[in-house]
Structure formats: C-alpha cells, structure tokens
Amino acid sequence: MNTTSNTNQPFSPIEVKLESGRDYYWCTCGRSKSQPFCDGSHKNTEFTPRKFSVSEDKTAWLCTCKKTGNAPFCDGTHRKL
C-alpha cells in the first residue's frame, strides 16, 4: 500500500492503493500515526475504526479531516473547514 499526502492544507486527503478482498480499518479518531488507517490510538476513547473493503483494486483518496459524508472516502469537506 502506497500513500502520499498533499500538505497544503491541514486536512488533506491521502491517496492510497487498495486491494480487492482485503479488509481495511479507517481511523475515525484522528490520532493514528498511520493515517488514514487505524493504529489502535483510539483505545480508551469513544471512537471505533471503520472497517471497509473494495470490490476491485483501485486508487482512492481517503479522508483525514474525519468530516466526510462518504466515509472513508474524501468528499471535499476539508476545503470548507
């Protein structure tokens, strides 16, 4: 899995290569050092990572602002924050 980030904004989406048939866990708390994926930093909080998978191999932009209406995928909400 490769990731890149646009650092022009505090909450820029991260481009990732996703593989079909694999389970991913998207960070919902914002504390993970492995953004956009969960690293367990949510422990002892009310947050739970969001499990997701894709039906075909693809590249996607995953949300880091945690305000997207299409979790875990970026919908541009970070531009309004």
C-alpha atoms as a PDB file:
ATOM      1  CA  MET A   1       0.000   0.000   0.000  1.00  0.00           C
ATOM      2  CA  ASN A   2       1.462   3.363  -1.021  1.00  0.00           C
ATOM      3  CA  THR A   3       0.378   6.682   0.455  1.00  0.00           C
ATOM      4  CA  THR A   4       1.031  10.289  -0.433  1.00  0.00           C
ATOM      5  CA  SER A   5      -0.344  13.464   1.073  1.00  0.00           C
ATOM      6  CA  ASN A   6      -0.907  16.998  -0.128  1.00  0.00           C
ATOM      7  CA  THR A   7       0.444  19.175   2.688  1.00  0.00           C
ATOM      8  CA  ASN A   8      -1.060  22.488   1.501  1.00  0.00           C
ATOM      9  CA  GLN A   9      -3.974  22.128   3.921  1.00  0.00           C
ATOM     10  CA  PRO A  10      -4.134  20.860   7.492  1.00  0.00           C
ATOM     11  CA  PHE A  11      -6.545  18.085   6.489  1.00  0.00           C
ATOM     12  CA  SER A  12      -5.617  16.884   3.033  1.00  0.00           C
ATOM     13  CA  PRO A  13      -6.891  13.519   1.796  1.00  0.00           C
ATOM     14  CA  ILE A  14      -4.335  10.746   1.366  1.00  0.00           C
ATOM     15  CA  GLU A  15      -4.073   8.764  -1.848  1.00  0.00           C
ATOM     16  CA  VAL A  16      -3.878   5.006  -1.252  1.00  0.00           C
ATOM     17  CA  LYS A  17      -3.803   1.894  -3.407  1.00  0.00           C
ATOM     18  CA  LEU A  18      -6.492  -0.507  -2.209  1.00  0.00           C
ATOM     19  CA  GLU A  19      -6.645  -4.222  -2.987  1.00  0.00           C
ATOM     20  CA  SER A  20      -9.902  -6.088  -3.566  1.00  0.00           C
ATOM     21  CA  GLY A  21     -10.860  -8.670  -0.980  1.00  0.00           C
ATOM     22  CA  ARG A  22      -8.741  -7.090   1.760  1.00  0.00           C
ATOM     23  CA  ASP A  23     -10.206  -5.537   4.913  1.00  0.00           C
ATOM     24  CA  TYR A  24      -9.036  -2.037   5.855  1.00  0.00           C
ATOM     25  CA  TYR A  25      -9.660  -0.095   9.059  1.00  0.00           C
ATOM     26  CA  TRP A  26     -10.058   3.659   8.575  1.00  0.00           C
ATOM     27  CA  CYS A  27      -9.103   5.837  11.555  1.00  0.00           C
ATOM     28  CA  THR A  28     -12.109   7.750  12.913  1.00  0.00           C
ATOM     29  CA  CYS A  29     -10.407   9.405  15.891  1.00  0.00           C
ATOM     30  CA  GLY A  30      -7.681  11.358  14.067  1.00  0.00           C
ATOM     31  CA  ARG A  31      -4.966  10.180  16.492  1.00  0.00           C
ATOM     32  CA  SER A  32      -3.435   7.440  14.349  1.00  0.00           C
ATOM     33  CA  LYS A  33       0.175   7.901  13.269  1.00  0.00           C
ATOM     34  CA  SER A  34      -0.696   5.641  10.297  1.00  0.00           C
ATOM     35  CA  GLN A  35      -3.278   7.979   8.717  1.00  0.00           C
ATOM     36  CA  PRO A  36      -5.655   7.308   7.150  1.00  0.00           C
ATOM     37  CA  PHE A  37      -5.598   3.864   8.729  1.00  0.00           C
ATOM     38  CA  CYS A  38      -6.097   2.861  12.365  1.00  0.00           C
ATOM     39  CA  ASP A  39      -3.071   2.061  14.524  1.00  0.00           C
ATOM     40  CA  GLY A  40      -5.010   1.494  17.767  1.00  0.00           C
ATOM     41  CA  SER A  41      -4.571   5.049  19.092  1.00  0.00           C
ATOM     42  CA  HIS A  42      -8.329   5.243  19.737  1.00  0.00           C
ATOM     43  CA  LYS A  43      -8.065   2.888  22.723  1.00  0.00           C
ATOM     44  CA  ASN A  44      -9.804   4.318  25.813  1.00  0.00           C
ATOM     45  CA  THR A  45     -11.844   6.737  23.686  1.00  0.00           C
ATOM     46  CA  GLU A  46     -15.380   6.560  22.293  1.00  0.00           C
ATOM     47  CA  PHE A  47     -14.020   6.046  18.749  1.00  0.00           C
ATOM     48  CA  THR A  48     -14.014   2.813  16.762  1.00  0.00           C
ATOM     49  CA  PRO A  49     -12.226   2.350  13.439  1.00  0.00           C
ATOM     50  CA  ARG A  50     -14.415   1.864  10.387  1.00  0.00           C
ATOM     51  CA  LYS A  51     -13.881  -1.433   8.592  1.00  0.00           C
ATOM     52  CA  PHE A  52     -14.181  -1.314   4.798  1.00  0.00           C
ATOM     53  CA  SER A  53     -13.144  -3.173   1.665  1.00  0.00           C
ATOM     54  CA  VAL A  54     -13.318  -2.610  -2.083  1.00  0.00           C
ATOM     55  CA  SER A  55     -14.598  -4.932  -4.795  1.00  0.00           C
ATOM     56  CA  GLU A  56     -11.743  -4.183  -7.211  1.00  0.00           C
ATOM     57  CA  ASP A  57      -8.138  -2.995  -6.951  1.00  0.00           C
ATOM     58  CA  LYS A  58      -8.132   0.794  -7.158  1.00  0.00           C
ATOM     59  CA  THR A  59      -6.528   4.025  -6.070  1.00  0.00           C
ATOM     60  CA  ALA A  60      -8.640   6.196  -3.779  1.00  0.00           C
ATOM     61  CA  TRP A  61      -8.351   9.397  -1.748  1.00  0.00           C
ATOM     62  CA  LEU A  62      -9.192   8.722   1.893  1.00  0.00           C
ATOM     63  CA  CYS A  63     -10.407  11.406   4.279  1.00  0.00           C
ATOM     64  CA  THR A  64      -8.200  12.725   7.098  1.00  0.00           C
ATOM     65  CA  CYS A  65     -10.471  15.528   8.375  1.00  0.00           C
ATOM     66  CA  LYS A  66     -12.982  12.890   9.563  1.00  0.00           C
ATOM     67  CA  LYS A  67     -15.926  15.064   8.452  1.00  0.00           C
ATOM     68  CA  THR A  68     -16.602  13.442   5.056  1.00  0.00           C
ATOM     69  CA  GLY A  69     -20.145  12.447   4.186  1.00  0.00           C
ATOM     70  CA  ASN A  70     -18.782   9.451   2.262  1.00  0.00           C
ATOM     71  CA  ALA A  71     -16.507   7.766   4.836  1.00  0.00           C
ATOM     72  CA  PRO A  72     -13.818   6.668   4.432  1.00  0.00           C
ATOM     73  CA  PHE A  73     -13.530   8.405   1.076  1.00  0.00           C
ATOM     74  CA  CYS A  74     -12.836  12.124   0.743  1.00  0.00           C
ATOM     75  CA  ASP A  75     -15.773  14.222  -0.476  1.00  0.00           C
ATOM     76  CA  GLY A  76     -14.019  17.610  -0.309  1.00  0.00           C
ATOM     77  CA  THR A  77     -15.400  18.626   3.086  1.00  0.00           C
ATOM     78  CA  HIS A  78     -11.869  19.527   4.273  1.00  0.00           C
ATOM     79  CA  ARG A  79     -11.949  22.558   1.933  1.00  0.00           C
ATOM     80  CA  LYS A  80     -14.796  24.055   3.995  1.00  0.00           C
ATOM     81  CA  LEU A  81     -13.114  23.692   7.398  1.00  0.00           C
END
